[in-house]
PDB file of N, CA and C in Angstrom:
ATOM      1  N   MET A   1      27.842   3.427 -19.703  1.00  0.00           N
ATOM      2  CA  MET A   1      27.232   2.891 -18.815  1.00  0.00           C
ATOM      3  C   MET A   1      25.690   3.171 -18.449  1.00  0.00           C
ATOM      4  N   GLU A   2      25.646   4.540 -18.819  1.00  0.00           N
ATOM      5  CA  GLU A   2      24.120   4.752 -18.720  1.00  0.00           C
ATOM      6  C   GLU A   2      23.045   4.008 -19.538  1.00  0.00           C
ATOM      7  N   LYS A   3      23.843   3.996 -20.634  1.00  0.00           N
ATOM      8  CA  LYS A   3      22.607   3.139 -21.603  1.00  0.00           C
ATOM      9  C   LYS A   3      22.315   1.566 -21.051  1.00  0.00           C
ATOM     10  N   ILE A   4      23.385   1.112 -20.759  1.00  0.00           N
ATOM     11  CA  ILE A   4      23.262  -0.416 -20.021  1.00  0.00           C
ATOM     12  C   ILE A   4      22.273  -0.353 -19.027  1.00  0.00           C
ATOM     13  N   LYS A   5      22.521   0.931 -18.021  1.00  0.00           N
ATOM     14  CA  LYS A   5      21.151   0.951 -17.150  1.00  0.00           C
ATOM     15  C   LYS A   5      19.763   1.046 -17.712  1.00  0.00           C
ATOM     16  N   TYR A   6      19.667   1.667 -18.769  1.00  0.00           N
ATOM     17  CA  TYR A   6      18.381   1.724 -19.271  1.00  0.00           C
ATOM     18  C   TYR A   6      17.784   0.772 -20.241  1.00  0.00           C
ATOM     19  N   LEU A   7      18.796  -0.017 -20.733  1.00  0.00           N
ATOM     20  CA  LEU A   7      18.531  -1.064 -21.173  1.00  0.00           C
ATOM     21  C   LEU A   7      18.153  -2.439 -20.392  1.00  0.00           C
ATOM     22  N   ILE A   8      18.998  -2.425 -19.138  1.00  0.00           N
ATOM     23  CA  ILE A   8      18.493  -3.168 -17.988  1.00  0.00           C
ATOM     24  C   ILE A   8      16.765  -2.992 -17.508  1.00  0.00           C
ATOM     25  N   ILE A   9      16.721  -1.731 -17.528  1.00  0.00           N
ATOM     26  CA  ILE A   9      15.339  -1.246 -16.983  1.00  0.00           C
ATOM     27  C   ILE A   9      14.307  -1.509 -17.786  1.00  0.00           C
ATOM     28  N   ALA A  10      14.611  -1.448 -19.370  1.00  0.00           N
ATOM     29  CA  ALA A  10      13.584  -1.629 -20.546  1.00  0.00           C
ATOM     30  C   ALA A  10      13.319  -3.198 -20.456  1.00  0.00           C
ATOM     31  N   LEU A  11      14.404  -3.921 -20.267  1.00  0.00           N
ATOM     32  CA  LEU A  11      14.006  -5.275 -20.137  1.00  0.00           C
ATOM     33  C   LEU A  11      13.357  -5.830 -19.089  1.00  0.00           C
ATOM     34  N   LEU A  12      13.568  -5.247 -17.832  1.00  0.00           N
ATOM     35  CA  LEU A  12      12.754  -5.481 -16.820  1.00  0.00           C
ATOM     36  C   LEU A  12      11.113  -5.173 -16.975  1.00  0.00           C
ATOM     37  N   ILE A  13      11.071  -3.814 -17.443  1.00  0.00           N
ATOM     38  CA  ILE A  13       9.713  -3.474 -17.798  1.00  0.00           C
ATOM     39  C   ILE A  13       9.083  -4.232 -18.844  1.00  0.00           C
ATOM     40  N   SER A  14       9.697  -4.879 -19.782  1.00  0.00           N
ATOM     41  CA  SER A  14       9.150  -6.059 -20.772  1.00  0.00           C
ATOM     42  C   SER A  14       8.743  -7.287 -20.199  1.00  0.00           C
ATOM     43  N   ILE A  15       9.526  -7.704 -18.877  1.00  0.00           N
ATOM     44  CA  ILE A  15       9.000  -8.908 -17.976  1.00  0.00           C
ATOM     45  C   ILE A  15       7.676  -8.714 -17.613  1.00  0.00           C
ATOM     46  N   SER A  16       7.352  -7.514 -17.342  1.00  0.00           N
ATOM     47  CA  SER A  16       6.086  -7.709 -16.652  1.00  0.00           C
ATOM     48  C   SER A  16       4.682  -7.258 -17.543  1.00  0.00           C
ATOM     49  N   SER A  17       5.148  -7.117 -18.702  1.00  0.00           N
ATOM     50  CA  SER A  17       4.199  -6.846 -19.903  1.00  0.00           C
ATOM     51  C   SER A  17       3.839  -8.061 -20.867  1.00  0.00           C
ATOM     52  N   PHE A  18       3.905  -9.242 -20.181  1.00  0.00           N
ATOM     53  CA  PHE A  18       3.848 -10.622 -20.986  1.00  0.00           C
ATOM     54  C   PHE A  18       2.186 -10.363 -21.672  1.00  0.00           C
ATOM     55  N   ALA A  19       2.093 -10.855 -22.834  1.00  0.00           N
ATOM     56  CA  ALA A  19       0.807 -11.076 -23.296  1.00  0.00           C
ATOM     57  C   ALA A  19      -0.035 -12.088 -22.930  1.00  0.00           C
ATOM     58  N   GLN A  20      -1.292 -12.510 -23.378  1.00  0.00           N
ATOM     59  CA  GLN A  20      -1.734 -13.692 -23.108  1.00  0.00           C
ATOM     60  C   GLN A  20      -1.057 -15.154 -23.645  1.00  0.00           C
ATOM     61  N   ASP A  21       0.157 -14.806 -24.261  1.00  0.00           N
ATOM     62  CA  ASP A  21       0.571 -15.884 -24.988  1.00  0.00           C
ATOM     63  C   ASP A  21       1.141 -16.704 -23.477  1.00  0.00           C
ATOM     64  N   SER A  22       1.088 -17.722 -23.618  1.00  0.00           N
ATOM     65  CA  SER A  22       1.506 -18.425 -22.350  1.00  0.00           C
ATOM     66  C   SER A  22       3.041 -19.091 -22.637  1.00  0.00           C
ATOM     67  N   ASN A  23       3.549 -18.918 -23.857  1.00  0.00           N
ATOM     68  CA  ASN A  23       5.013 -19.205 -23.990  1.00  0.00           C
ATOM     69  C   ASN A  23       6.113 -18.314 -23.454  1.00  0.00           C
ATOM     70  N   GLN A  24       7.093 -18.576 -22.889  1.00  0.00           N
ATOM     71  CA  GLN A  24       8.369 -17.794 -22.855  1.00  0.00           C
ATOM     72  C   GLN A  24       9.324 -17.609 -23.735  1.00  0.00           C
ATOM     73  N   TYR A  25       9.458 -16.301 -24.187  1.00  0.00           N
ATOM     74  CA  TYR A  25      10.522 -15.830 -24.834  1.00  0.00           C
ATOM     75  C   TYR A  25      11.638 -15.482 -24.217  1.00  0.00           C
ATOM     76  N   ILE A  26      12.722 -15.975 -24.503  1.00  0.00           N
ATOM     77  CA  ILE A  26      13.815 -15.941 -23.650  1.00  0.00           C
ATOM     78  C   ILE A  26      15.115 -15.262 -24.644  1.00  0.00           C
ATOM     79  N   ILE A  27      15.567 -14.322 -24.386  1.00  0.00           N
ATOM     80  CA  ILE A  27      16.901 -13.772 -25.121  1.00  0.00           C
ATOM     81  C   ILE A  27      18.054 -13.827 -24.295  1.00  0.00           C
ATOM     82  N   LYS A  28      19.157 -14.599 -24.994  1.00  0.00           N
ATOM     83  CA  LYS A  28      20.285 -14.366 -24.132  1.00  0.00           C
ATOM     84  C   LYS A  28      21.190 -13.259 -24.850  1.00  0.00           C
ATOM     85  N   PHE A  29      21.791 -12.622 -23.805  1.00  0.00           N
ATOM     86  CA  PHE A  29      22.747 -11.518 -23.990  1.00  0.00           C
ATOM     87  C   PHE A  29      24.389 -11.928 -23.753  1.00  0.00           C
ATOM     88  N   LYS A  30      25.372 -11.294 -24.316  1.00  0.00           N
ATOM     89  CA  LYS A  30      26.604 -11.043 -23.946  1.00  0.00           C
ATOM     90  C   LYS A  30      27.235  -9.856 -23.793  1.00  0.00           C
ATOM     91  N   LEU A  31      27.639  -9.623 -22.669  1.00  0.00           N
ATOM     92  CA  LEU A  31      28.334  -8.558 -22.238  1.00  0.00           C
ATOM     93  C   LEU A  31      29.991  -8.507 -22.171  1.00  0.00           C
ATOM     94  N   LYS A  32      30.580  -7.750 -22.880  1.00  0.00           N
ATOM     95  CA  LYS A  32      32.115  -7.578 -22.891  1.00  0.00           C
ATOM     96  C   LYS A  32      32.649  -6.407 -23.058  1.00  0.00           C
ATOM     97  N   GLN A  33      33.941  -6.365 -22.795  1.00  0.00           N
ATOM     98  CA  GLN A  33      34.681  -5.023 -22.905  1.00  0.00           C
ATOM     99  C   GLN A  33      35.556  -5.633 -24.108  1.00  0.00           C
ATOM    100  N   SER A  34      35.841  -4.365 -25.198  1.00  0.00           N
ATOM    101  CA  SER A  34      36.372  -4.801 -26.354  1.00  0.00           C
ATOM    102  C   SER A  34      37.566  -3.796 -26.053  1.00  0.00           C
ATOM    103  N   ARG A  35      39.051  -4.064 -26.571  1.00  0.00           N
ATOM    104  CA  ARG A  35      39.944  -3.080 -26.592  1.00  0.00           C
ATOM    105  C   ARG A  35      40.816  -3.040 -27.870  1.00  0.00           C
ATOM    106  N   PHE A  36      41.456  -1.814 -28.350  1.00  0.00           N
ATOM    107  CA  PHE A  36      42.347  -1.883 -29.028  1.00  0.00           C
ATOM    108  C   PHE A  36      43.625  -1.858 -28.743  1.00  0.00           C
ATOM    109  N   SER A  37      44.238  -2.705 -28.518  1.00  0.00           N
ATOM    110  CA  SER A  37      45.549  -3.067 -27.962  1.00  0.00           C
ATOM    111  C   SER A  37      46.254  -4.236 -28.872  1.00  0.00           C
ATOM    112  N   LEU A  38      47.770  -4.070 -28.459  1.00  0.00           N
ATOM    113  CA  LEU A  38      48.578  -5.124 -29.114  1.00  0.00           C
ATOM    114  C   LEU A  38      49.014  -5.964 -27.747  1.00  0.00           C
ATOM    115  N   ASN A  39      48.618  -5.988 -26.553  1.00  0.00           N
ATOM    116  CA  ASN A  39      48.900  -6.696 -25.288  1.00  0.00           C
ATOM    117  C   ASN A  39      48.023  -7.504 -25.353  1.00  0.00           C
ATOM    118  N   ILE A  40      48.478  -8.982 -25.570  1.00  0.00           N
ATOM    119  CA  ILE A  40      47.757 -10.313 -25.719  1.00  0.00           C
ATOM    120  C   ILE A  40      46.898 -10.671 -24.363  1.00  0.00           C
ATOM    121  N   MET A  41      47.545  -9.981 -23.254  1.00  0.00           N
ATOM    122  CA  MET A  41      46.793 -10.244 -21.979  1.00  0.00           C
ATOM    123  C   MET A  41      45.558  -9.275 -21.947  1.00  0.00           C
ATOM    124  N   SER A  42      45.608  -8.151 -22.437  1.00  0.00           N
ATOM    125  CA  SER A  42      44.216  -7.829 -22.250  1.00  0.00           C
ATOM    126  C   SER A  42      43.443  -8.023 -23.031  1.00  0.00           C
ATOM    127  N   HIS A  43      43.557  -8.801 -24.170  1.00  0.00           N
ATOM    128  CA  HIS A  43      42.564  -9.620 -25.097  1.00  0.00           C
ATOM    129  C   HIS A  43      41.988 -10.700 -24.343  1.00  0.00           C
ATOM    130  N   ILE A  44      42.932 -11.546 -23.735  1.00  0.00           N
ATOM    131  CA  ILE A  44      42.749 -12.728 -22.874  1.00  0.00           C
ATOM    132  C   ILE A  44      41.468 -12.131 -21.618  1.00  0.00           C
ATOM    133  N   LYS A  45      41.874 -11.072 -21.018  1.00  0.00           N
ATOM    134  CA  LYS A  45      41.272 -10.709 -19.880  1.00  0.00           C
ATOM    135  C   LYS A  45      39.766 -10.202 -20.357  1.00  0.00           C
ATOM    136  N   ASP A  46      39.644  -9.625 -21.420  1.00  0.00           N
ATOM    137  CA  ASP A  46      38.303  -9.175 -22.089  1.00  0.00           C
ATOM    138  C   ASP A  46      37.660 -10.398 -22.215  1.00  0.00           C
ATOM    139  N   HIS A  47      38.136 -11.674 -22.899  1.00  0.00           N
ATOM    140  CA  HIS A  47      37.435 -12.730 -23.199  1.00  0.00           C
ATOM    141  C   HIS A  47      37.055 -13.567 -21.894  1.00  0.00           C
ATOM    142  N   VAL A  48      37.738 -13.532 -20.925  1.00  0.00           N
ATOM    143  CA  VAL A  48      37.524 -14.218 -19.770  1.00  0.00           C
ATOM    144  C   VAL A  48      36.392 -13.481 -18.748  1.00  0.00           C
ATOM    145  N   ASN A  49      36.289 -12.101 -19.129  1.00  0.00           N
ATOM    146  CA  ASN A  49      35.424 -11.388 -18.404  1.00  0.00           C
ATOM    147  C   ASN A  49      34.086 -11.262 -18.819  1.00  0.00           C
ATOM    148  N   ALA A  50      33.913 -11.799 -19.922  1.00  0.00           N
ATOM    149  CA  ALA A  50      32.853 -11.501 -20.835  1.00  0.00           C
ATOM    150  C   ALA A  50      31.733 -12.690 -20.217  1.00  0.00           C
ATOM    151  N   ILE A  51      30.659 -11.979 -19.928  1.00  0.00           N
ATOM    152  CA  ILE A  51      29.374 -12.636 -19.021  1.00  0.00           C
ATOM    153  C   ILE A  51      28.227 -12.850 -20.184  1.00  0.00           C
ATOM    154  N   GLU A  52      27.536 -13.952 -19.894  1.00  0.00           N
ATOM    155  CA  GLU A  52      26.582 -14.037 -20.470  1.00  0.00           C
ATOM    156  C   GLU A  52      25.149 -14.330 -19.667  1.00  0.00           C
ATOM    157  N   PHE A  53      24.012 -13.424 -20.017  1.00  0.00           N
ATOM    158  CA  PHE A  53      22.952 -13.606 -19.169  1.00  0.00           C
ATOM    159  C   PHE A  53      21.397 -13.734 -20.042  1.00  0.00           C
ATOM    160  N   GLU A  54      20.434 -14.129 -19.565  1.00  0.00           N
ATOM    161  CA  GLU A  54      19.086 -14.202 -20.124  1.00  0.00           C
ATOM    162  C   GLU A  54      18.150 -13.496 -19.567  1.00  0.00           C
ATOM    163  N   PHE A  55      17.269 -12.993 -20.284  1.00  0.00           N
ATOM    164  CA  PHE A  55      15.863 -12.263 -19.662  1.00  0.00           C
ATOM    165  C   PHE A  55      14.875 -12.992 -20.572  1.00  0.00           C
ATOM    166  N   PRO A  56      13.733 -12.979 -19.890  1.00  0.00           N
ATOM    167  CA  PRO A  56      12.505 -13.123 -20.761  1.00  0.00           C
ATOM    168  C   PRO A  56      12.000 -11.680 -21.138  1.00  0.00           C
ATOM    169  N   THR A  57      10.950 -11.989 -22.446  1.00  0.00           N
ATOM    170  CA  THR A  57      10.686 -10.791 -23.082  1.00  0.00           C
ATOM    171  C   THR A  57       9.137 -11.341 -23.611  1.00  0.00           C
ATOM    172  N   ASP A  58       8.796 -10.352 -24.061  1.00  0.00           N
ATOM    173  CA  ASP A  58       7.559 -10.276 -24.715  1.00  0.00           C
ATOM    174  C   ASP A  58       7.629 -10.650 -25.889  1.00  0.00           C
ATOM    175  N   LYS A  59       6.775 -11.254 -26.785  1.00  0.00           N
ATOM    176  CA  LYS A  59       6.823 -11.843 -28.134  1.00  0.00           C
ATOM    177  C   LYS A  59       7.124 -10.912 -29.136  1.00  0.00           C
ATOM    178  N   LYS A  60       6.371  -9.353 -28.880  1.00  0.00           N
ATOM    179  CA  LYS A  60       6.889  -8.516 -30.049  1.00  0.00           C
ATOM    180  C   LYS A  60       8.322  -8.034 -29.812  1.00  0.00           C
ATOM    181  N   THR A  61       8.885  -8.114 -28.672  1.00  0.00           N
ATOM    182  CA  THR A  61      10.423  -7.742 -28.303  1.00  0.00           C
ATOM    183  C   THR A  61      11.137  -8.783 -29.171  1.00  0.00           C
ATOM    184  N   TYR A  62      10.816  -9.871 -28.695  1.00  0.00           N
ATOM    185  CA  TYR A  62      11.370 -11.317 -29.141  1.00  0.00           C
ATOM    186  C   TYR A  62      11.666 -11.386 -30.406  1.00  0.00           C
ATOM    187  N   ASN A  63      10.517 -10.886 -31.354  1.00  0.00           N
ATOM    188  CA  ASN A  63      10.496 -11.047 -32.952  1.00  0.00           C
ATOM    189  C   ASN A  63      11.296  -9.665 -33.335  1.00  0.00           C
ATOM    190  N   SER A  64      11.505  -8.786 -32.704  1.00  0.00           N
ATOM    191  CA  SER A  64      12.096  -7.507 -33.202  1.00  0.00           C
ATOM    192  C   SER A  64      13.445  -7.623 -33.186  1.00  0.00           C
ATOM    193  N   LEU A  65      14.160  -8.503 -32.420  1.00  0.00           N
ATOM    194  CA  LEU A  65      15.740  -8.700 -32.053  1.00  0.00           C
ATOM    195  C   LEU A  65      16.110  -9.924 -32.929  1.00  0.00           C
ATOM    196  N   SER A  66      17.385 -10.077 -33.351  1.00  0.00           N
ATOM    197  CA  SER A  66      18.012 -11.096 -34.072  1.00  0.00           C
ATOM    198  C   SER A  66      19.209 -11.520 -33.686  1.00  0.00           C
ATOM    199  N   VAL A  67      19.556 -12.668 -33.575  1.00  0.00           N
ATOM    200  CA  VAL A  67      21.083 -13.214 -32.903  1.00  0.00           C
ATOM    201  C   VAL A  67      22.075 -12.343 -34.015  1.00  0.00           C
ATOM    202  N   GLY A  68      23.039 -11.687 -32.831  1.00  0.00           N
ATOM    203  CA  GLY A  68      23.860 -11.015 -33.697  1.00  0.00           C
ATOM    204  C   GLY A  68      23.632  -9.550 -33.565  1.00  0.00           C
ATOM    205  N   ASP A  69      22.375  -9.152 -33.172  1.00  0.00           N
ATOM    206  CA  ASP A  69      22.264  -7.536 -33.113  1.00  0.00           C
ATOM    207  C   ASP A  69      23.007  -7.072 -31.968  1.00  0.00           C
ATOM    208  N   LYS A  70      23.684  -5.904 -32.173  1.00  0.00           N
ATOM    209  CA  LYS A  70      24.520  -5.067 -31.214  1.00  0.00           C
ATOM    210  C   LYS A  70      23.315  -4.355 -30.598  1.00  0.00           C
ATOM    211  N   ILE A  71      22.996  -4.388 -29.193  1.00  0.00           N
ATOM    212  CA  ILE A  71      22.213  -3.686 -28.642  1.00  0.00           C
ATOM    213  C   ILE A  71      23.037  -2.390 -28.053  1.00  0.00           C
ATOM    214  N   VAL A  72      24.482  -2.524 -27.304  1.00  0.00           N
ATOM    215  CA  VAL A  72      25.141  -1.236 -27.102  1.00  0.00           C
ATOM    216  C   VAL A  72      26.547  -1.518 -27.355  1.00  0.00           C
ATOM    217  N   ASP A  73      27.219  -0.636 -27.887  1.00  0.00           N
ATOM    218  CA  ASP A  73      28.514  -0.338 -28.539  1.00  0.00           C
ATOM    219  C   ASP A  73      29.004   0.851 -28.253  1.00  0.00           C
ATOM    220  N   ASP A  74      29.277   1.160 -26.998  1.00  0.00           N
ATOM    221  CA  ASP A  74      29.841   2.518 -26.518  1.00  0.00           C
ATOM    222  C   ASP A  74      31.245   2.668 -26.479  1.00  0.00           C
ATOM    223  N   PHE A  75      31.893   3.620 -26.948  1.00  0.00           N
ATOM    224  CA  PHE A  75      33.026   4.061 -26.647  1.00  0.00           C
ATOM    225  C   PHE A  75      33.488   4.319 -25.172  1.00  0.00           C
ATOM    226  N   ARG A  76      34.268   4.029 -24.501  1.00  0.00           N
ATOM    227  CA  ARG A  76      34.550   4.326 -22.873  1.00  0.00           C
ATOM    228  C   ARG A  76      35.418   5.507 -22.814  1.00  0.00           C
ATOM    229  N   VAL A  77      35.131   6.587 -22.861  1.00  0.00           N
ATOM    230  CA  VAL A  77      35.843   8.223 -23.015  1.00  0.00           C
ATOM    231  C   VAL A  77      36.672   7.972 -21.845  1.00  0.00           C
ATOM    232  N   GLY A  78      36.098   7.469 -20.550  1.00  0.00           N
ATOM    233  CA  GLY A  78      36.789   7.664 -19.381  1.00  0.00           C
ATOM    234  C   GLY A  78      38.127   6.645 -19.340  1.00  0.00           C
ATOM    235  N   SER A  79      38.097   5.690 -20.136  1.00  0.00           N
ATOM    236  CA  SER A  79      39.547   4.931 -20.186  1.00  0.00           C
ATOM    237  C   SER A  79      40.537   5.721 -21.183  1.00  0.00           C
ATOM    238  N   PHE A  80      39.917   6.375 -22.226  1.00  0.00           N
ATOM    239  CA  PHE A  80      40.624   6.981 -23.002  1.00  0.00           C
ATOM    240  C   PHE A  80      41.213   8.198 -22.328  1.00  0.00           C
ATOM    241  N   ILE A  81      40.699   8.886 -21.485  1.00  0.00           N
ATOM    242  CA  ILE A  81      41.312  10.264 -20.745  1.00  0.00           C
ATOM    243  C   ILE A  81      42.308   9.729 -19.923  1.00  0.00           C
ATOM    244  N   PHE A  82      41.860   8.758 -18.984  1.00  0.00           N
ATOM    245  CA  PHE A  82      42.550   8.363 -17.534  1.00  0.00           C
ATOM    246  C   PHE A  82      43.756   7.419 -18.075  1.00  0.00           C
ATOM    247  N   ASN A  83      43.665   6.414 -18.992  1.00  0.00           N
ATOM    248  CA  ASN A  83      44.528   5.385 -19.190  1.00  0.00           C
ATOM    249  C   ASN A  83      45.230   5.612 -20.592  1.00  0.00           C
ATOM    250  N   SER A  84      44.831   6.253 -21.650  1.00  0.00           N
ATOM    251  CA  SER A  84      45.044   6.460 -23.017  1.00  0.00           C
ATOM    252  C   SER A  84      44.948   5.054 -23.779  1.00  0.00           C
ATOM    253  N   THR A  85      43.736   4.233 -23.448  1.00  0.00           N
ATOM    254  CA  THR A  85      43.269   3.076 -23.910  1.00  0.00           C
ATOM    255  C   THR A  85      42.068   3.337 -24.759  1.00  0.00           C
ATOM    256  N   PHE A  86      41.997   2.533 -25.727  1.00  0.00           N
ATOM    257  CA  PHE A  86      40.759   2.539 -26.828  1.00  0.00           C
ATOM    258  C   PHE A  86      39.984   1.437 -26.486  1.00  0.00           C
ATOM    259  N   SER A  87      38.641   1.631 -25.832  1.00  0.00           N
ATOM    260  CA  SER A  87      38.038   0.499 -25.367  1.00  0.00           C
ATOM    261  C   SER A  87      36.553   0.760 -25.297  1.00  0.00           C
ATOM    262  N   ASP A  88      35.633  -0.202 -25.309  1.00  0.00           N
ATOM    263  CA  ASP A  88      34.141   0.094 -25.627  1.00  0.00           C
ATOM    264  C   ASP A  88      33.548  -1.297 -24.818  1.00  0.00           C
ATOM    265  N   TRP A  89      32.127  -0.970 -24.574  1.00  0.00           N
ATOM    266  CA  TRP A  89      31.441  -2.154 -23.976  1.00  0.00           C
ATOM    267  C   TRP A  89      30.565  -2.365 -24.952  1.00  0.00           C
ATOM    268  N   GLN A  90      30.103  -3.706 -25.081  1.00  0.00           N
ATOM    269  CA  GLN A  90      29.299  -4.284 -26.057  1.00  0.00           C
ATOM    270  C   GLN A  90      28.395  -5.223 -25.488  1.00  0.00           C
ATOM    271  N   ILE A  91      26.973  -5.263 -25.795  1.00  0.00           N
ATOM    272  CA  ILE A  91      26.301  -5.999 -25.664  1.00  0.00           C
ATOM    273  C   ILE A  91      25.483  -6.537 -26.635  1.00  0.00           C
ATOM    274  N   THR A  92      25.348  -8.035 -27.139  1.00  0.00           N
ATOM    275  CA  THR A  92      25.385  -8.399 -28.188  1.00  0.00           C
ATOM    276  C   THR A  92      24.148  -9.719 -28.047  1.00  0.00           C
ATOM    277  N   ILE A  93      23.182  -9.906 -28.719  1.00  0.00           N
ATOM    278  CA  ILE A  93      22.323 -10.982 -28.792  1.00  0.00           C
ATOM    279  C   ILE A  93      23.202 -12.194 -29.149  1.00  0.00           C
ATOM    280  N   VAL A  94      23.170 -13.326 -28.456  1.00  0.00           N
ATOM    281  CA  VAL A  94      23.757 -14.397 -28.780  1.00  0.00           C
ATOM    282  C   VAL A  94      22.940 -15.591 -28.994  1.00  0.00           C
ATOM    283  N   ASP A  95      21.831 -15.489 -28.623  1.00  0.00           N
ATOM    284  CA  ASP A  95      21.011 -16.994 -28.721  1.00  0.00           C
ATOM    285  C   ASP A  95      19.494 -16.307 -28.323  1.00  0.00           C
ATOM    286  N   LYS A  96      18.497 -17.132 -29.082  1.00  0.00           N
ATOM    287  CA  LYS A  96      17.062 -16.890 -28.215  1.00  0.00           C
ATOM    288  C   LYS A  96      16.173 -18.113 -28.572  1.00  0.00           C
ATOM    289  N   ARG A  97      15.568 -18.248 -27.541  1.00  0.00           N
ATOM    290  CA  ARG A  97      14.604 -19.555 -27.427  1.00  0.00           C
ATOM    291  C   ARG A  97      13.564 -19.079 -27.041  1.00  0.00           C
ATOM    292  N   ILE A  98      12.597 -19.919 -27.404  1.00  0.00           N
ATOM    293  CA  ILE A  98      11.178 -20.191 -27.069  1.00  0.00           C
ATOM    294  C   ILE A  98      10.844 -21.468 -25.871  1.00  0.00           C
ATOM    295  N   ILE A  99      10.149 -21.236 -24.954  1.00  0.00           N
ATOM    296  CA  ILE A  99       9.811 -22.440 -23.835  1.00  0.00           C
ATOM    297  C   ILE A  99       8.361 -22.549 -24.163  1.00  0.00           C
ATOM    298  N   TYR A 100       7.726 -23.494 -24.967  1.00  0.00           N
ATOM    299  CA  TYR A 100       6.278 -23.834 -25.177  1.00  0.00           C
ATOM    300  C   TYR A 100       5.708 -24.255 -23.893  1.00  0.00           C
ATOM    301  N   ASN A 101       4.673 -23.735 -23.395  1.00  0.00           N
ATOM    302  CA  ASN A 101       3.849 -24.239 -22.382  1.00  0.00           C
ATOM    303  C   ASN A 101       2.753 -24.844 -22.791  1.00  0.00           C
ATOM    304  N   LYS A 102       2.147 -25.800 -22.249  1.00  0.00           N
ATOM    305  CA  LYS A 102       0.950 -26.454 -22.951  1.00  0.00           C
ATOM    306  C   LYS A 102      -0.075 -25.927 -21.979  1.00  0.00           C
TER     307      LYS A 102
END
């Protein structure tokens, strides 16, 4: 969870550092939990609870990331210790787009 906080802080900082380029560079992320389980309801719950969100960024960051890149893929130690389950958080880039301003 700590890495997710740092990712969001870095993204918010990048929002304020736009270059002279008037175009808007948007990256769409998907945040989901993934479990190793034979319980189909756990997999359905993970799929339903996944969220997607967009952040504007600068051109340099936009060009350095690709669709499909995993930004965060962390094993959840607490779930393993307290619930004996294997799960992790994943943040993946699912889309990129440019809004051209004239």
